[in-house]
Amino acid sequence: YRLAADQGFTSAQHDFAQCSSNGKGVPMDNGIAARYYHLAADKGEAKAQCSLAQFYLHGIGLPKNHDEGVRYHRLAADQCHPPSQLAIGGMLIDDEHIPADERALEPALVN
């Protein structure tokens, strides 16, 4: 996947990030995984946005950043990506990571 990922193929960027995160076929390296998830996420790949959100929320392979984690989950949720919709819903229920002034019903929950 790396050759295709380095050539800019979005799905390959996501797949290589996943391999790097899990150590499948390549040495496990969450820093590299975060970089390739970022490349795919910034091109609108919902699965990569969801994975990158988790990396930000838990500080995996990059510094913990709750705002960025929520932002990437929202981007994926807006594309009807169920895991991100569930994550946003859970954060709203648990009052986690969502600023108080933004706790109104999220569009992701009604899509």
N, C-alpha and C. Protein backbone atom coordinates (compact mmCIF):
# COMPACT_ATOMS: atom_id res chain seq x y z
N TYR A 1 0.81 -1.21 0.00
CA TYR A 1 0.00 0.00 0.00
C TYR A 1 0.85 1.27 0.00
N ARG A 2 2.06 1.18 0.54
CA ARG A 2 2.83 2.41 0.72
C ARG A 2 3.14 3.12 -0.59
N LEU A 3 3.48 2.37 -1.62
CA LEU A 3 3.79 2.99 -2.90
C LEU A 3 2.58 3.77 -3.42
N ALA A 4 1.43 3.16 -3.39
CA ALA A 4 0.21 3.84 -3.83
C ALA A 4 -0.13 5.00 -2.90
N ALA A 5 0.08 4.82 -1.60
CA ALA A 5 -0.18 5.90 -0.64
C ALA A 5 0.71 7.10 -0.91
N ASP A 6 1.98 6.83 -1.19
CA ASP A 6 2.91 7.92 -1.47
C ASP A 6 2.62 8.60 -2.80
N GLN A 7 1.90 7.91 -3.67
CA GLN A 7 1.49 8.52 -4.94
C GLN A 7 0.18 9.29 -4.81
N GLY A 8 -0.39 9.30 -3.60
CA GLY A 8 -1.56 10.12 -3.33
C GLY A 8 -2.90 9.43 -3.41
N PHE A 9 -2.91 8.11 -3.52
CA PHE A 9 -4.18 7.40 -3.57
C PHE A 9 -4.79 7.34 -2.17
N THR A 10 -5.95 7.96 -2.03
CA THR A 10 -6.58 8.12 -0.73
C THR A 10 -6.85 6.80 -0.03
N SER A 11 -7.44 5.84 -0.72
CA SER A 11 -7.76 4.57 -0.06
C SER A 11 -6.48 3.85 0.37
N ALA A 12 -5.43 3.97 -0.42
CA ALA A 12 -4.15 3.35 -0.04
C ALA A 12 -3.55 4.06 1.17
N GLN A 13 -3.74 5.37 1.27
CA GLN A 13 -3.24 6.11 2.44
C GLN A 13 -3.94 5.60 3.69
N HIS A 14 -5.25 5.41 3.61
CA HIS A 14 -5.98 4.86 4.75
C HIS A 14 -5.50 3.46 5.08
N ASP A 15 -5.40 2.61 4.06
CA ASP A 15 -5.02 1.22 4.28
C ASP A 15 -3.60 1.09 4.83
N PHE A 16 -2.67 1.92 4.32
CA PHE A 16 -1.31 1.86 4.84
C PHE A 16 -1.27 2.36 6.29
N ALA A 17 -2.06 3.37 6.60
CA ALA A 17 -2.13 3.85 7.98
C ALA A 17 -2.63 2.74 8.90
N GLN A 18 -3.63 2.02 8.45
CA GLN A 18 -4.18 0.93 9.25
C GLN A 18 -3.14 -0.17 9.46
N CYS A 19 -2.42 -0.51 8.39
CA CYS A 19 -1.35 -1.52 8.52
C CYS A 19 -0.28 -1.04 9.50
N SER A 20 0.10 0.22 9.40
CA SER A 20 1.13 0.77 10.29
C SER A 20 0.66 0.79 11.74
N SER A 21 -0.61 1.08 11.94
CA SER A 21 -1.16 1.12 13.29
C SER A 21 -1.22 -0.26 13.92
N ASN A 22 -1.48 -1.27 13.11
CA ASN A 22 -1.63 -2.63 13.61
C ASN A 22 -0.38 -3.49 13.46
N GLY A 23 0.63 -2.97 12.77
CA GLY A 23 1.84 -3.75 12.54
C GLY A 23 1.63 -4.92 11.59
N LYS A 24 0.72 -4.76 10.65
CA LYS A 24 0.43 -5.83 9.68
C LYS A 24 1.22 -5.60 8.40
N GLY A 25 2.26 -6.41 8.20
CA GLY A 25 3.08 -6.32 7.00
C GLY A 25 4.16 -5.28 7.07
N VAL A 26 4.09 -4.42 8.06
CA VAL A 26 5.10 -3.37 8.28
C VAL A 26 5.29 -3.24 9.79
N PRO A 27 6.41 -2.68 10.23
CA PRO A 27 6.57 -2.47 11.67
C PRO A 27 5.49 -1.52 12.21
N MET A 28 4.99 -1.84 13.39
CA MET A 28 3.98 -0.97 14.00
C MET A 28 4.59 0.39 14.31
N ASP A 29 3.95 1.45 13.83
CA ASP A 29 4.42 2.81 14.04
C ASP A 29 3.22 3.75 13.99
N ASN A 30 2.74 4.15 15.16
CA ASN A 30 1.56 5.00 15.21
C ASN A 30 1.81 6.41 14.70
N GLY A 31 3.06 6.87 14.73
CA GLY A 31 3.38 8.17 14.16
C GLY A 31 3.17 8.16 12.65
N ILE A 32 3.66 7.12 11.99
CA ILE A 32 3.45 6.99 10.55
C ILE A 32 1.96 6.79 10.26
N ALA A 33 1.29 5.99 11.06
CA ALA A 33 -0.14 5.78 10.88
C ALA A 33 -0.89 7.10 10.96
N ALA A 34 -0.56 7.92 11.95
CA ALA A 34 -1.24 9.22 12.09
C ALA A 34 -1.00 10.09 10.86
N ARG A 35 0.22 10.08 10.36
CA ARG A 35 0.55 10.91 9.19
C ARG A 35 -0.28 10.49 7.97
N TYR A 36 -0.39 9.19 7.73
CA TYR A 36 -1.14 8.73 6.57
C TYR A 36 -2.65 8.84 6.77
N TYR A 37 -3.13 8.64 8.00
CA TYR A 37 -4.54 8.91 8.27
C TYR A 37 -4.84 10.38 7.97
N HIS A 38 -3.93 11.26 8.37
CA HIS A 38 -4.12 12.69 8.14
C HIS A 38 -4.23 12.99 6.65
N LEU A 39 -3.35 12.39 5.85
CA LEU A 39 -3.39 12.62 4.40
C LEU A 39 -4.74 12.22 3.82
N ALA A 40 -5.23 11.04 4.19
CA ALA A 40 -6.51 10.57 3.67
C ALA A 40 -7.68 11.35 4.25
N ALA A 41 -7.61 11.66 5.54
CA ALA A 41 -8.70 12.38 6.20
C ALA A 41 -8.88 13.77 5.59
N ASP A 42 -7.79 14.42 5.29
CA ASP A 42 -7.88 15.77 4.73
C ASP A 42 -8.39 15.78 3.29
N LYS A 43 -8.46 14.59 2.69
CA LYS A 43 -9.07 14.46 1.36
C LYS A 43 -10.53 14.02 1.45
N GLY A 44 -11.04 13.88 2.69
CA GLY A 44 -12.45 13.57 2.88
C GLY A 44 -12.77 12.10 3.10
N GLU A 45 -11.77 11.25 3.32
CA GLU A 45 -11.99 9.82 3.56
C GLU A 45 -12.56 9.63 4.97
N ALA A 46 -13.84 9.24 5.05
CA ALA A 46 -14.53 9.16 6.35
C ALA A 46 -13.88 8.16 7.31
N LYS A 47 -13.47 7.00 6.81
CA LYS A 47 -12.84 6.01 7.71
C LYS A 47 -11.54 6.57 8.29
N ALA A 48 -10.80 7.28 7.48
CA ALA A 48 -9.55 7.88 7.96
C ALA A 48 -9.85 9.01 8.95
N GLN A 49 -10.90 9.78 8.69
CA GLN A 49 -11.29 10.84 9.62
C GLN A 49 -11.65 10.26 10.98
N CYS A 50 -12.37 9.17 10.98
CA CYS A 50 -12.76 8.50 12.22
C CYS A 50 -11.53 7.98 12.97
N SER A 51 -10.64 7.33 12.25
CA SER A 51 -9.43 6.80 12.89
C SER A 51 -8.55 7.92 13.42
N LEU A 52 -8.40 8.97 12.63
CA LEU A 52 -7.59 10.10 13.06
C LEU A 52 -8.21 10.77 14.29
N ALA A 53 -9.53 10.84 14.31
CA ALA A 53 -10.23 11.40 15.48
C ALA A 53 -9.85 10.63 16.74
N GLN A 54 -9.86 9.31 16.64
CA GLN A 54 -9.49 8.48 17.79
C GLN A 54 -8.04 8.70 18.19
N PHE A 55 -7.17 8.83 17.21
CA PHE A 55 -5.76 9.09 17.51
C PHE A 55 -5.63 10.41 18.28
N TYR A 56 -6.34 11.45 17.83
CA TYR A 56 -6.29 12.73 18.53
C TYR A 56 -6.89 12.63 19.93
N LEU A 57 -8.02 11.98 20.05
CA LEU A 57 -8.69 11.90 21.36
C LEU A 57 -7.88 11.14 22.40
N HIS A 58 -7.09 10.17 21.95
CA HIS A 58 -6.33 9.34 22.87
C HIS A 58 -4.83 9.60 22.83
N GLY A 59 -4.39 10.54 22.01
CA GLY A 59 -2.96 10.85 21.93
C GLY A 59 -2.14 9.71 21.38
N ILE A 60 -2.65 9.05 20.35
CA ILE A 60 -1.95 7.92 19.73
C ILE A 60 -1.17 8.42 18.51
N GLY A 61 0.13 8.40 18.57
CA GLY A 61 0.95 8.79 17.43
C GLY A 61 1.08 10.27 17.20
N LEU A 62 0.38 11.05 18.00
CA LEU A 62 0.46 12.51 17.94
C LEU A 62 -0.07 13.06 19.26
N PRO A 63 0.17 14.33 19.53
CA PRO A 63 -0.30 14.87 20.82
C PRO A 63 -1.82 14.82 20.94
N LYS A 64 -2.29 14.54 22.15
CA LYS A 64 -3.72 14.51 22.42
C LYS A 64 -4.31 15.90 22.13
N ASN A 65 -5.42 15.92 21.39
CA ASN A 65 -6.08 17.18 21.05
C ASN A 65 -7.57 16.89 20.89
N HIS A 66 -8.32 17.19 21.93
CA HIS A 66 -9.75 16.87 21.94
C HIS A 66 -10.51 17.62 20.86
N ASP A 67 -10.17 18.89 20.66
CA ASP A 67 -10.87 19.68 19.64
C ASP A 67 -10.70 19.08 18.25
N GLU A 68 -9.49 18.66 17.93
CA GLU A 68 -9.25 18.04 16.62
C GLU A 68 -9.94 16.69 16.53
N GLY A 69 -9.95 15.95 17.61
CA GLY A 69 -10.65 14.67 17.62
C GLY A 69 -12.13 14.83 17.33
N VAL A 70 -12.75 15.77 17.99
CA VAL A 70 -14.17 16.04 17.77
C VAL A 70 -14.39 16.53 16.33
N ARG A 71 -13.51 17.40 15.86
CA ARG A 71 -13.65 17.95 14.51
C ARG A 71 -13.62 16.84 13.47
N TYR A 72 -12.67 15.93 13.59
CA TYR A 72 -12.58 14.85 12.60
C TYR A 72 -13.74 13.87 12.72
N HIS A 73 -14.21 13.62 13.93
CA HIS A 73 -15.40 12.77 14.07
C HIS A 73 -16.60 13.44 13.42
N ARG A 74 -16.71 14.75 13.59
CA ARG A 74 -17.84 15.47 12.97
C ARG A 74 -17.77 15.41 11.45
N LEU A 75 -16.57 15.56 10.91
CA LEU A 75 -16.43 15.48 9.45
C LEU A 75 -16.88 14.12 8.94
N ALA A 76 -16.50 13.06 9.63
CA ALA A 76 -16.91 11.72 9.22
C ALA A 76 -18.40 11.50 9.46
N ALA A 77 -18.89 11.98 10.58
CA ALA A 77 -20.32 11.83 10.90
C ALA A 77 -21.18 12.55 9.87
N ASP A 78 -20.72 13.68 9.39
CA ASP A 78 -21.46 14.42 8.36
C ASP A 78 -21.56 13.65 7.05
N GLN A 79 -20.69 12.65 6.89
CA GLN A 79 -20.75 11.78 5.71
C GLN A 79 -21.51 10.48 6.04
N CYS A 80 -22.22 10.49 7.15
CA CYS A 80 -23.02 9.34 7.60
C CYS A 80 -22.15 8.13 7.92
N HIS A 81 -20.98 8.37 8.48
CA HIS A 81 -20.10 7.27 8.90
C HIS A 81 -20.56 6.82 10.29
N PRO A 82 -21.19 5.64 10.41
CA PRO A 82 -21.79 5.22 11.68
C PRO A 82 -20.87 5.25 12.90
N PRO A 83 -19.61 4.78 12.82
CA PRO A 83 -18.78 4.83 14.03
C PRO A 83 -18.56 6.26 14.55
N SER A 84 -18.44 7.21 13.65
CA SER A 84 -18.26 8.60 14.10
C SER A 84 -19.56 9.18 14.62
N GLN A 85 -20.68 8.81 14.00
CA GLN A 85 -21.97 9.26 14.52
C GLN A 85 -22.16 8.73 15.95
N LEU A 86 -21.82 7.48 16.15
CA LEU A 86 -21.92 6.88 17.48
C LEU A 86 -20.99 7.59 18.47
N ALA A 87 -19.78 7.90 18.03
CA ALA A 87 -18.82 8.57 18.91
C ALA A 87 -19.32 9.95 19.31
N ILE A 88 -19.84 10.71 18.34
CA ILE A 88 -20.38 12.04 18.65
C ILE A 88 -21.57 11.91 19.60
N GLY A 89 -22.45 10.96 19.32
CA GLY A 89 -23.60 10.75 20.21
C GLY A 89 -23.17 10.40 21.62
N GLY A 90 -22.17 9.53 21.74
CA GLY A 90 -21.66 9.16 23.06
C GLY A 90 -21.05 10.34 23.79
N MET A 91 -20.34 11.19 23.05
CA MET A 91 -19.75 12.37 23.68
C MET A 91 -20.82 13.32 24.16
N LEU A 92 -21.91 13.44 23.40
CA LEU A 92 -23.00 14.32 23.81
C LEU A 92 -23.68 13.77 25.07
N ILE A 93 -23.90 12.47 25.10
CA ILE A 93 -24.54 11.85 26.26
C ILE A 93 -23.67 11.99 27.50
N ASP A 94 -22.37 11.76 27.32
CA ASP A 94 -21.44 11.81 28.44
C ASP A 94 -20.89 13.20 28.72
N ASP A 95 -21.32 14.20 27.93
CA ASP A 95 -20.81 15.57 28.07
C ASP A 95 -19.29 15.61 27.94
N GLU A 96 -18.73 14.77 27.08
CA GLU A 96 -17.28 14.73 26.88
C GLU A 96 -16.90 15.48 25.62
N HIS A 97 -15.86 16.23 25.69
CA HIS A 97 -15.20 16.81 24.54
C HIS A 97 -16.03 17.84 23.78
N ILE A 98 -17.31 17.96 24.04
CA ILE A 98 -18.16 18.89 23.32
C ILE A 98 -18.34 20.13 24.18
N PRO A 99 -17.94 21.31 23.66
CA PRO A 99 -18.12 22.53 24.44
C PRO A 99 -19.59 22.73 24.81
N ALA A 100 -19.84 23.31 25.98
CA ALA A 100 -21.19 23.47 26.50
C ALA A 100 -22.09 24.21 25.51
N ASP A 101 -21.56 25.20 24.81
CA ASP A 101 -22.39 25.98 23.89
C ASP A 101 -22.68 25.23 22.58
N GLU A 102 -22.11 24.05 22.42
CA GLU A 102 -22.34 23.27 21.21
C GLU A 102 -23.07 21.97 21.50
N ARG A 103 -23.66 21.84 22.65
CA ARG A 103 -24.30 20.57 23.02
C ARG A 103 -25.72 20.43 22.50
N ALA A 104 -26.14 21.34 21.65
CA ALA A 104 -27.47 21.19 21.02
C ALA A 104 -27.43 19.94 20.16
N LEU A 105 -28.58 19.42 19.85
CA LEU A 105 -28.65 18.19 19.05
C LEU A 105 -27.82 18.32 17.79
N GLU A 106 -26.88 17.42 17.63
CA GLU A 106 -25.97 17.42 16.49
C GLU A 106 -26.69 16.93 15.23
N PRO A 107 -26.43 17.56 14.09
CA PRO A 107 -27.01 17.06 12.84
C PRO A 107 -26.63 15.61 12.56
N ALA A 108 -25.47 15.18 13.01
CA ALA A 108 -25.01 13.81 12.77
C ALA A 108 -25.98 12.80 13.37
N LEU A 109 -26.67 13.18 14.43
CA LEU A 109 -27.56 12.24 15.10
C LEU A 109 -28.89 12.09 14.38
N VAL A 110 -29.22 13.02 13.52
CA VAL A 110 -30.50 12.94 12.82
C VAL A 110 -30.34 12.56 11.36
N ASN A 111 -29.14 12.39 10.90
CA ASN A 111 -28.91 11.98 9.50
C ASN A 111 -29.27 10.54 9.29
